[in-house]
Amino acid sequence: MDKQIQELYILAKKSEENQKWQEALNYYTSIFVYKDKKDYSVLPKIGFLYAKLGNYKESYKALRKYLEFDKKNWSIYYQIAIVCIHLNHLELAKKYLNQAITLNKQNIKLLTLLGYVYELSNDYKNSLKIFKAVIKQDPHNKIAIKGIIFSLMQLNKYQEAIQFCEKYLKIFPDDLTLKNFHAAILYELGKTDQFLEEIKEISDKDQRYKSFDEYLNKIKTDRNQEYEDFLNDLQTKMIQKTKELEIKEDKKTYLDLSLLSLFSGNKNEAFEYLKKALESEK
């Protein structure tokens, strides 16, 4: 290997280790075009670093160019698919994932990601189909489990969704996402008393609820003015929403008030507004 190229590789690796992505990218780009002899082997690294920097268009170009050099590398199709998701090119993402699966049928990650892309595309029939295929191979795959529940809910198959959810809550009893799904399905099935009980239980256990007051206190300590503006904004919106209620009582306004109360740290008031939202449907 040319001594200068070797030095560039060492510098590039060191920059990567120190997470200096732009610096590493510059070195790998120099290697790629060194003395007009293009080294295609560094293109995956260039594509990876562009993605790290959030430049997905250039990442796509680099990875796509590498495929001209090597069409049998399943991991490159996988990387391009991820970049396509960031670019919201979901049909392209499906295409590249299917090519990767053709080259590596045993890789469960590829199938799981394909299910997720179908979900992002609002194609819930196919996301359900793919996630069920994942579960057959990997019964405890949480991404697929939650993907199945979400897809069933989007397809209004609530009875099937709750049975599936309860099956996995027995396996993962402390999974808060599954608990939230279960509560949401109860709501859709009209089991409002059970729904409210579960929401109360979740809010007591979920760290995001517990830490919210601490979060507000931290803002008050570190950025007092921002904290005041934040609370003033909430208060203004609360007053605005309360005035809306004087004109028209509806589910959406009650739900908005419920969320605003929760964000203000007033859980009891939040649940009262939530009850009124449910009652307004009757």
Protein backbone atom coordinates (compact mmCIF):
# COMPACT_ATOMS: atom_id res chain seq x y z
CA MET A 1 0.00 0.00 0.00
CA ASP A 2 1.21 3.52 -0.81
CA LYS A 3 2.72 5.09 2.33
CA GLN A 4 0.64 8.26 2.03
CA ILE A 5 -2.58 6.21 1.65
CA GLN A 6 -1.58 4.21 4.72
CA GLU A 7 -1.13 7.43 6.70
CA LEU A 8 -4.53 8.70 5.55
CA TYR A 9 -6.15 5.44 6.71
CA ILE A 10 -4.52 5.79 10.15
CA LEU A 11 -5.73 9.40 10.46
CA ALA A 12 -9.22 8.45 9.27
CA LYS A 13 -9.48 5.62 11.82
CA LYS A 14 -8.25 7.87 14.62
CA SER A 15 -10.81 10.54 13.72
CA GLU A 16 -13.56 7.90 13.77
CA GLU A 17 -12.48 6.66 17.19
CA ASN A 18 -12.70 10.25 18.46
CA GLN A 19 -16.09 10.67 16.72
CA LYS A 20 -14.78 13.51 14.58
CA TRP A 21 -17.04 12.55 11.71
CA GLN A 22 -16.32 15.44 9.34
CA GLU A 23 -12.58 15.03 9.78
CA ALA A 24 -12.83 11.28 9.14
CA LEU A 25 -14.98 11.92 6.07
CA ASN A 26 -12.37 14.29 4.66
CA TYR A 27 -9.65 11.66 5.05
CA TYR A 28 -11.70 8.88 3.46
CA THR A 29 -12.68 11.18 0.59
CA SER A 30 -8.97 11.93 0.04
CA ILE A 31 -8.29 8.19 -0.10
CA PHE A 32 -11.13 7.69 -2.61
CA VAL A 33 -9.75 10.23 -5.10
CA TYR A 34 -6.03 9.72 -4.34
CA LYS A 35 -3.97 10.25 -7.52
CA ASP A 36 -7.16 9.91 -9.60
CA LYS A 37 -7.26 6.18 -8.75
CA LYS A 38 -10.66 5.75 -7.17
CA ASP A 39 -10.72 3.30 -4.26
CA TYR A 40 -14.33 2.05 -4.27
CA SER A 41 -13.76 0.06 -1.06
CA VAL A 42 -13.99 3.24 1.06
CA LEU A 43 -17.38 4.30 -0.34
CA PRO A 44 -19.41 2.42 2.33
CA LYS A 45 -17.41 4.26 4.97
CA ILE A 46 -18.01 7.58 3.20
CA GLY A 47 -21.73 6.79 3.00
CA PHE A 48 -21.80 5.89 6.70
CA LEU A 49 -20.06 9.13 7.70
CA TYR A 50 -22.35 11.30 5.57
CA ALA A 51 -25.27 9.65 7.36
CA LYS A 52 -23.65 10.34 10.73
CA LEU A 53 -23.48 14.00 9.72
CA GLY A 54 -27.15 13.95 8.69
CA ASN A 55 -26.38 14.42 4.99
CA TYR A 56 -28.50 11.54 3.71
CA LYS A 57 -28.50 12.67 0.07
CA GLU A 58 -24.72 12.39 -0.16
CA SER A 59 -24.81 9.17 1.86
CA TYR A 60 -27.23 7.70 -0.67
CA LYS A 61 -25.01 8.76 -3.59
CA ALA A 62 -21.91 7.17 -2.06
CA LEU A 63 -23.60 3.88 -1.21
CA ARG A 64 -25.40 3.73 -4.56
CA LYS A 65 -22.07 4.27 -6.33
CA TYR A 66 -20.53 1.41 -4.36
CA LEU A 67 -23.18 -0.94 -5.74
CA GLU A 68 -21.67 -0.38 -9.21
CA PHE A 69 -18.56 -1.98 -7.74
CA ASP A 70 -20.19 -4.71 -5.62
CA LYS A 71 -23.78 -5.84 -6.23
CA LYS A 72 -23.67 -8.85 -3.89
CA ASN A 73 -23.14 -7.11 -0.55
CA TRP A 74 -26.43 -7.39 1.37
CA SER A 75 -25.29 -4.97 4.11
CA ILE A 76 -24.99 -2.14 1.57
CA TYR A 77 -28.60 -2.62 0.48
CA TYR A 78 -29.53 -2.55 4.17
CA GLN A 79 -27.60 0.70 4.75
CA ILE A 80 -29.15 2.32 1.67
CA ALA A 81 -32.61 1.31 2.88
CA ILE A 82 -32.01 3.08 6.21
CA VAL A 83 -30.83 6.20 4.37
CA CYS A 84 -33.94 6.05 2.15
CA ILE A 85 -36.12 5.95 5.26
CA HIS A 86 -34.46 9.15 6.49
CA LEU A 87 -35.10 10.70 3.07
CA ASN A 88 -38.72 9.47 3.23
CA HIS A 89 -38.19 7.46 0.04
CA LEU A 90 -40.15 4.53 1.39
CA GLU A 91 -40.75 2.68 -1.89
CA LEU A 92 -37.00 2.73 -2.56
CA ALA A 93 -36.37 1.51 0.98
CA LYS A 94 -38.66 -1.48 0.35
CA LYS A 95 -36.87 -2.21 -2.92
CA TYR A 96 -33.41 -2.23 -1.32
CA LEU A 97 -34.59 -4.26 1.67
CA ASN A 98 -36.10 -6.90 -0.57
CA GLN A 99 -32.78 -7.10 -2.45
CA ALA A 100 -30.94 -7.49 0.86
CA ILE A 101 -33.36 -10.23 1.97
CA THR A 102 -32.77 -12.07 -1.31
CA LEU A 103 -29.04 -12.10 -0.52
CA ASN A 104 -29.42 -12.90 3.18
CA LYS A 105 -32.67 -14.71 3.95
CA GLN A 106 -31.67 -15.62 7.51
CA ASN A 107 -31.18 -12.06 8.77
CA ILE A 108 -34.18 -11.20 10.96
CA LYS A 109 -33.18 -7.51 11.13
CA LEU A 110 -33.93 -7.09 7.43
CA LEU A 111 -37.41 -8.54 7.73
CA THR A 112 -38.14 -6.49 10.85
CA LEU A 113 -37.08 -3.27 9.13
CA LEU A 114 -39.22 -4.14 6.10
CA GLY A 115 -42.24 -4.50 8.39
CA TYR A 116 -41.44 -1.11 9.88
CA VAL A 117 -41.22 0.51 6.43
CA TYR A 118 -44.64 -0.90 5.51
CA GLU A 119 -45.94 0.56 8.77
CA LEU A 120 -44.43 3.96 7.90
CA SER A 121 -46.14 3.69 4.51
CA ASN A 122 -49.51 3.14 6.29
CA ASP A 123 -49.71 -0.25 4.58
CA TYR A 124 -50.86 -2.04 7.71
CA LYS A 125 -51.97 -5.25 6.01
CA ASN A 126 -48.44 -5.85 4.75
CA SER A 127 -46.77 -4.63 7.95
CA LEU A 128 -48.94 -7.11 9.87
CA LYS A 129 -48.00 -9.89 7.47
CA ILE A 130 -44.26 -9.14 7.74
CA PHE A 131 -44.24 -8.73 11.51
CA LYS A 132 -46.09 -12.04 11.92
CA ALA A 133 -43.38 -13.67 9.80
CA VAL A 134 -40.77 -12.15 12.14
CA ILE A 135 -42.57 -13.51 15.22
CA LYS A 136 -42.53 -17.02 13.76
CA GLN A 137 -38.73 -16.88 13.67
CA ASP A 138 -38.20 -14.74 16.75
CA PRO A 139 -41.21 -15.04 19.14
CA HIS A 140 -39.92 -12.41 21.58
CA ASN A 141 -39.01 -9.71 19.04
CA LYS A 142 -40.44 -6.61 20.71
CA ILE A 143 -40.39 -4.45 17.59
CA ALA A 144 -42.50 -7.01 15.75
CA ILE A 145 -44.80 -7.60 18.76
CA LYS A 146 -45.59 -3.90 19.03
CA GLY A 147 -45.78 -3.59 15.24
CA ILE A 148 -48.45 -6.31 15.16
CA ILE A 149 -50.50 -4.62 17.89
CA PHE A 150 -50.21 -1.20 16.23
CA SER A 151 -51.13 -2.60 12.80
CA LEU A 152 -54.14 -4.46 14.23
CA MET A 153 -55.31 -1.24 15.88
CA GLN A 154 -54.96 0.69 12.63
CA LEU A 155 -57.02 -2.01 10.92
CA ASN A 156 -59.67 -1.68 13.68
CA LYS A 157 -59.10 -5.29 14.75
CA TYR A 158 -59.26 -4.38 18.43
CA GLN A 159 -60.41 -7.73 19.75
CA GLU A 160 -57.51 -9.51 18.09
CA ALA A 161 -55.17 -6.72 19.21
CA ILE A 162 -56.14 -6.96 22.89
CA GLN A 163 -55.77 -10.75 22.92
CA PHE A 164 -52.32 -10.49 21.35
CA CYS A 165 -51.33 -7.66 23.69
CA GLU A 166 -52.45 -9.55 26.80
CA LYS A 167 -50.52 -12.62 25.67
CA TYR A 168 -47.26 -10.63 25.61
CA LEU A 169 -48.04 -8.64 28.76
CA LYS A 170 -47.82 -11.99 30.57
CA ILE A 171 -44.29 -12.35 29.17
CA PHE A 172 -43.29 -8.68 29.55
CA PRO A 173 -45.45 -7.45 32.47
CA ASP A 174 -43.36 -4.30 33.04
CA ASP A 175 -43.27 -3.10 29.43
CA LEU A 176 -44.87 0.36 29.58
CA THR A 177 -45.39 0.58 25.83
CA LEU A 178 -47.43 -2.63 25.88
CA LYS A 179 -49.40 -1.26 28.84
CA ASN A 180 -50.09 1.95 26.95
CA PHE A 181 -51.24 -0.07 23.93
CA HIS A 182 -53.52 -2.14 26.18
CA ALA A 183 -55.08 0.99 27.68
CA ALA A 184 -55.62 2.49 24.23
CA ILE A 185 -57.35 -0.69 23.01
CA LEU A 186 -59.61 -0.69 26.09
CA TYR A 187 -60.58 2.87 25.17
CA GLU A 188 -61.40 1.84 21.59
CA LEU A 189 -63.45 -1.12 22.86
CA GLY A 190 -65.50 1.25 25.02
CA LYS A 191 -64.22 -0.19 28.32
CA THR A 192 -63.75 3.29 29.81
CA ASP A 193 -63.59 2.35 33.51
CA GLN A 194 -60.78 -0.15 32.88
CA PHE A 195 -59.11 2.36 30.58
CA LEU A 196 -59.03 5.07 33.26
CA GLU A 197 -57.73 2.66 35.90
CA GLU A 198 -54.88 1.55 33.65
CA ILE A 199 -53.97 5.11 32.70
CA LYS A 200 -53.73 6.03 36.38
CA GLU A 201 -51.52 3.03 37.07
CA ILE A 202 -49.28 3.80 34.07
CA SER A 203 -48.85 7.44 35.09
CA ASP A 204 -47.70 6.34 38.56
CA LYS A 205 -45.12 3.93 37.13
CA ASP A 206 -43.92 5.69 33.97
CA GLN A 207 -40.69 7.59 34.67
CA ARG A 208 -41.66 10.20 32.08
CA TYR A 209 -44.60 11.21 34.26
CA LYS A 210 -42.60 11.03 37.51
CA SER A 211 -39.71 13.11 36.21
CA PHE A 212 -41.78 15.84 34.60
CA ASP A 213 -41.99 17.97 37.75
CA GLU A 214 -38.24 17.52 38.22
CA TYR A 215 -37.77 18.60 34.61
CA LEU A 216 -39.79 21.77 35.24
CA ASN A 217 -37.83 22.47 38.44
CA LYS A 218 -34.56 22.08 36.53
CA ILE A 219 -35.73 24.61 33.96
CA LYS A 220 -36.70 26.96 36.81
CA THR A 221 -33.25 26.62 38.38
CA ASP A 222 -31.13 26.80 35.24
CA ARG A 223 -33.21 28.94 32.95
CA ASN A 224 -35.65 30.84 35.09
CA GLN A 225 -36.92 33.11 32.34
CA GLU A 226 -37.55 30.23 29.92
CA TYR A 227 -39.42 28.42 32.67
CA GLU A 228 -41.67 31.41 33.32
CA ASP A 229 -42.34 31.84 29.60
CA PHE A 230 -43.12 28.15 29.30
CA LEU A 231 -45.64 28.20 32.17
CA ASN A 232 -47.11 31.49 30.97
CA ASP A 233 -47.61 29.96 27.54
CA LEU A 234 -49.37 26.96 29.09
CA GLN A 235 -51.52 29.26 31.19
CA THR A 236 -52.46 31.36 28.16
CA LYS A 237 -53.43 28.25 26.22
CA MET A 238 -55.39 26.92 29.20
CA ILE A 239 -57.38 30.16 29.43
CA GLN A 240 -57.98 30.06 25.67
CA LYS A 241 -59.21 26.46 25.80
CA THR A 242 -61.45 27.15 28.83
CA LYS A 243 -63.08 30.00 26.88
CA GLU A 244 -63.64 27.59 23.98
CA LEU A 245 -65.54 25.33 26.39
CA GLU A 246 -67.91 28.16 27.25
CA ILE A 247 -68.90 28.22 23.59
CA LYS A 248 -68.76 24.51 22.75
CA GLU A 249 -68.08 21.41 24.82
CA ASP A 250 -66.40 18.73 22.72
CA LYS A 251 -64.05 15.78 23.09
CA LYS A 252 -61.06 17.47 21.42
CA THR A 253 -61.15 20.53 23.70
CA TYR A 254 -61.37 18.35 26.81
CA LEU A 255 -58.44 16.23 25.59
CA ASP A 256 -56.40 19.38 24.90
CA LEU A 257 -57.13 20.62 28.43
CA SER A 258 -56.22 17.22 29.83
CA LEU A 259 -52.80 17.32 28.17
CA LEU A 260 -52.18 20.92 29.20
CA SER A 261 -53.06 20.05 32.82
CA LEU A 262 -50.72 17.06 32.71
CA PHE A 263 -47.88 19.18 31.35
CA SER A 264 -48.57 21.74 34.11
CA GLY A 265 -48.06 19.00 36.69
CA ASN A 266 -51.73 18.76 37.71
CA LYS A 267 -52.55 15.08 37.24
CA ASN A 268 -55.90 15.08 39.04
CA GLU A 269 -57.22 17.88 36.86
CA ALA A 270 -55.86 16.07 33.78
CA PHE A 271 -57.84 12.94 34.63
CA GLU A 272 -61.01 14.96 35.30
CA TYR A 273 -60.79 16.50 31.84
CA LEU A 274 -60.08 13.04 30.40
CA LYS A 275 -63.25 11.70 32.02
CA LYS A 276 -65.24 14.58 30.54
CA ALA A 277 -63.76 13.82 27.11
CA LEU A 278 -64.97 10.22 27.44
CA GLU A 279 -68.38 11.33 28.72
CA SER A 280 -68.80 13.73 25.80
CA GLU A 281 -68.80 10.75 23.43
CA LYS A 282 -71.83 9.15 25.12
